[in-house]
Amino acid sequence: MAVGRPLVLVALALAGLSGCSTAPAPVDPNAPTVLLSGSGDGSGADAQITGPVTVDDRRCVGVGEYLVIWPQGTSWDTGADALRLPNGDLRKIGEAVTGGGYYVTGTSAQSSLEDIEQRDRCAWDGETAIFNPGSDVATAP
C-alpha cells in the first residue's frame, strides 16, 4: 500500500501543473472592451459588417460608427495594441475588418452578450453591429 501513495501524489502534482499551463492570460484593465457574443455555429443573418476598427470614448471596440458584439475568440492584444481576430490576425485601430452579421438598435443587442456584466461598459444608444456567433471575421483591404 505504501507504493500506491507516492504514485497518487505524483499524479495529483502533474494534474495541478497541467492546469497552470492552460490558464488564460490576465486581462489588462486598461485595454479597450471587446464585447463577445455567446457561442454559436457561425450561421445567422447575412448582412455584411465592414469597416475600420474603432475605439469609442468609453473605450469599446467597434467597426466604423457602430458598437460591435464580436464572435468568440476575438480579443484585445495589449502588447500589439490591436484587435486579435479569432483566426489570429491582428487589426490596429483604423484597419478594416469584414464578416457576416446583423444590426439592431438600442439595448436589445445586450441579449447577445456572453458576459452580461459588460453591458454597462458601453453606450447602447445607437445601432449595434453583431457578428454571427462563430463568424469568420476577416481582414479587409
Protein backbone atom coordinates (compact mmCIF):
# COMPACT_ATOMS: atom_id res chain seq x y z
CA MET A 1 0.00 0.00 0.00
CA ALA A 2 2.91 2.36 0.64
CA VAL A 3 3.88 2.04 -3.02
CA GLY A 4 0.48 3.38 -4.19
CA ARG A 5 0.64 6.63 -2.22
CA PRO A 6 3.66 8.18 -3.99
CA LEU A 7 2.06 7.45 -7.36
CA VAL A 8 -1.14 9.20 -6.27
CA LEU A 9 0.84 12.23 -5.10
CA VAL A 10 2.78 12.38 -8.37
CA ALA A 11 -0.47 12.14 -10.35
CA LEU A 12 -2.04 14.94 -8.30
CA ALA A 13 1.05 17.11 -8.72
CA LEU A 14 1.05 16.58 -12.50
CA ALA A 15 -2.67 17.37 -12.70
CA GLY A 16 -2.03 20.64 -10.86
CA LEU A 17 0.81 21.56 -13.20
CA SER A 18 -1.23 20.87 -16.31
CA GLY A 19 -3.92 23.27 -15.06
CA CYS A 20 -1.36 26.06 -14.75
CA SER A 21 -0.29 25.85 -18.38
CA THR A 22 -3.80 26.38 -19.72
CA ALA A 23 -4.72 29.35 -17.52
CA PRO A 24 -5.77 32.38 -19.58
CA ALA A 25 -3.54 35.43 -19.57
CA PRO A 26 -4.65 38.13 -17.15
CA VAL A 27 -6.89 40.77 -18.68
CA ASP A 28 -5.43 44.27 -18.83
CA PRO A 29 -7.97 46.52 -17.05
CA ASN A 30 -6.88 49.45 -19.24
CA ALA A 31 -7.41 47.61 -22.53
CA PRO A 32 -10.39 48.54 -24.68
CA THR A 33 -13.54 46.48 -24.09
CA VAL A 34 -14.24 43.76 -26.66
CA LEU A 35 -17.87 42.67 -26.27
CA LEU A 36 -18.25 38.96 -27.06
CA SER A 37 -21.29 37.06 -28.25
CA GLY A 38 -22.50 33.81 -26.83
CA SER A 39 -21.45 30.59 -28.54
CA GLY A 40 -22.87 29.58 -31.87
CA ASP A 41 -22.19 27.65 -35.05
CA GLY A 42 -21.44 30.60 -37.34
CA SER A 43 -24.79 30.65 -39.07
CA GLY A 44 -27.13 33.58 -38.84
CA ALA A 45 -28.01 36.77 -40.62
CA ASP A 46 -26.35 37.69 -43.89
CA ALA A 47 -25.82 41.44 -43.55
CA GLN A 48 -22.22 42.44 -44.19
CA ILE A 49 -20.37 44.28 -41.43
CA THR A 50 -17.38 46.04 -42.95
CA GLY A 51 -15.28 48.98 -41.85
CA PRO A 52 -12.33 50.18 -39.81
CA VAL A 53 -11.74 49.04 -36.24
CA THR A 54 -12.59 51.90 -33.88
CA VAL A 55 -12.48 52.57 -30.15
CA ASP A 56 -15.12 54.96 -28.84
CA ASP A 57 -14.94 57.45 -25.97
CA ARG A 58 -15.97 54.70 -23.50
CA ARG A 59 -13.13 52.51 -24.84
CA CYS A 60 -15.44 49.98 -26.51
CA VAL A 61 -14.20 48.37 -29.74
CA GLY A 62 -16.41 48.85 -32.78
CA VAL A 63 -16.45 48.99 -36.56
CA GLY A 64 -16.84 52.47 -38.01
CA GLU A 65 -19.56 54.29 -36.08
CA TYR A 66 -21.09 51.05 -34.74
CA LEU A 67 -20.62 49.41 -31.38
CA VAL A 68 -19.89 45.73 -32.11
CA ILE A 69 -20.52 42.41 -30.43
CA TRP A 70 -17.68 40.21 -31.67
CA PRO A 71 -17.61 36.42 -32.10
CA GLN A 72 -15.89 34.17 -29.55
CA GLY A 73 -12.11 34.16 -29.91
CA THR A 74 -11.83 37.90 -30.54
CA SER A 75 -9.73 39.81 -28.01
CA TRP A 76 -7.66 42.93 -27.48
CA ASP A 77 -3.92 42.22 -27.70
CA THR A 78 -2.36 44.77 -25.36
CA GLY A 79 1.20 44.02 -26.49
CA ALA A 80 0.35 44.68 -30.15
CA ASP A 81 -2.20 47.41 -29.28
CA ALA A 82 -4.58 45.77 -31.76
CA LEU A 83 -7.69 43.65 -32.07
CA ARG A 84 -6.91 39.94 -32.38
CA LEU A 85 -9.43 38.18 -34.61
CA PRO A 86 -10.47 34.56 -33.99
CA ASN A 87 -8.18 33.42 -36.83
CA GLY A 88 -5.19 35.11 -35.13
CA ASP A 89 -4.92 38.12 -37.46
CA LEU A 90 -4.28 41.49 -35.82
CA ARG A 91 -6.08 44.69 -36.83
CA LYS A 92 -4.99 48.05 -35.46
CA ILE A 93 -7.37 50.94 -34.97
CA GLY A 94 -8.28 52.24 -38.44
CA GLU A 95 -7.61 48.93 -40.24
CA ALA A 96 -10.64 47.26 -41.82
CA VAL A 97 -12.48 44.04 -40.94
CA THR A 98 -15.42 42.29 -42.57
CA GLY A 99 -17.85 39.50 -41.75
CA GLY A 100 -21.47 38.40 -41.70
CA GLY A 101 -23.92 39.55 -39.07
CA TYR A 102 -26.76 41.93 -38.40
CA TYR A 103 -27.63 45.31 -36.89
CA VAL A 104 -30.01 46.16 -34.05
CA THR A 105 -30.95 49.41 -32.34
CA GLY A 106 -30.85 50.06 -28.61
CA THR A 107 -30.37 47.73 -25.70
CA SER A 108 -31.84 44.63 -27.41
CA ALA A 109 -28.28 43.81 -28.53
CA GLN A 110 -27.37 43.09 -24.92
CA SER A 111 -29.15 39.73 -25.09
CA SER A 112 -26.35 38.56 -27.44
CA LEU A 113 -23.59 39.17 -24.89
CA GLU A 114 -21.64 36.28 -23.45
CA ASP A 115 -20.81 38.26 -20.28
CA ILE A 116 -23.84 40.34 -19.29
CA GLU A 117 -21.68 42.27 -16.80
CA GLN A 118 -20.04 44.01 -19.78
CA ARG A 119 -23.31 45.76 -20.70
CA ASP A 120 -22.59 48.79 -18.52
CA ARG A 121 -19.18 49.44 -20.09
CA CYS A 122 -20.51 50.63 -23.44
CA ALA A 123 -23.14 53.05 -24.76
CA TRP A 124 -26.20 51.36 -26.30
CA ASP A 125 -27.92 54.45 -27.68
CA GLY A 126 -27.25 53.87 -31.38
CA GLU A 127 -27.19 50.96 -33.76
CA THR A 128 -25.10 47.92 -32.75
CA ALA A 129 -23.46 45.54 -35.22
CA ILE A 130 -23.43 41.89 -34.15
CA PHE A 131 -21.20 39.42 -35.95
CA ASN A 132 -22.80 36.00 -36.28
CA PRO A 133 -21.57 33.73 -33.44
CA GLY A 134 -18.66 31.70 -34.75
CA SER A 135 -18.41 34.00 -37.79
CA ASP A 136 -15.17 34.22 -39.74
CA VAL A 137 -14.29 37.86 -39.23
CA ALA A 138 -11.56 38.65 -41.72
CA THR A 139 -9.24 41.47 -42.54
CA ALA A 140 -10.48 43.72 -45.32
CA PRO A 141 -8.48 45.85 -47.73
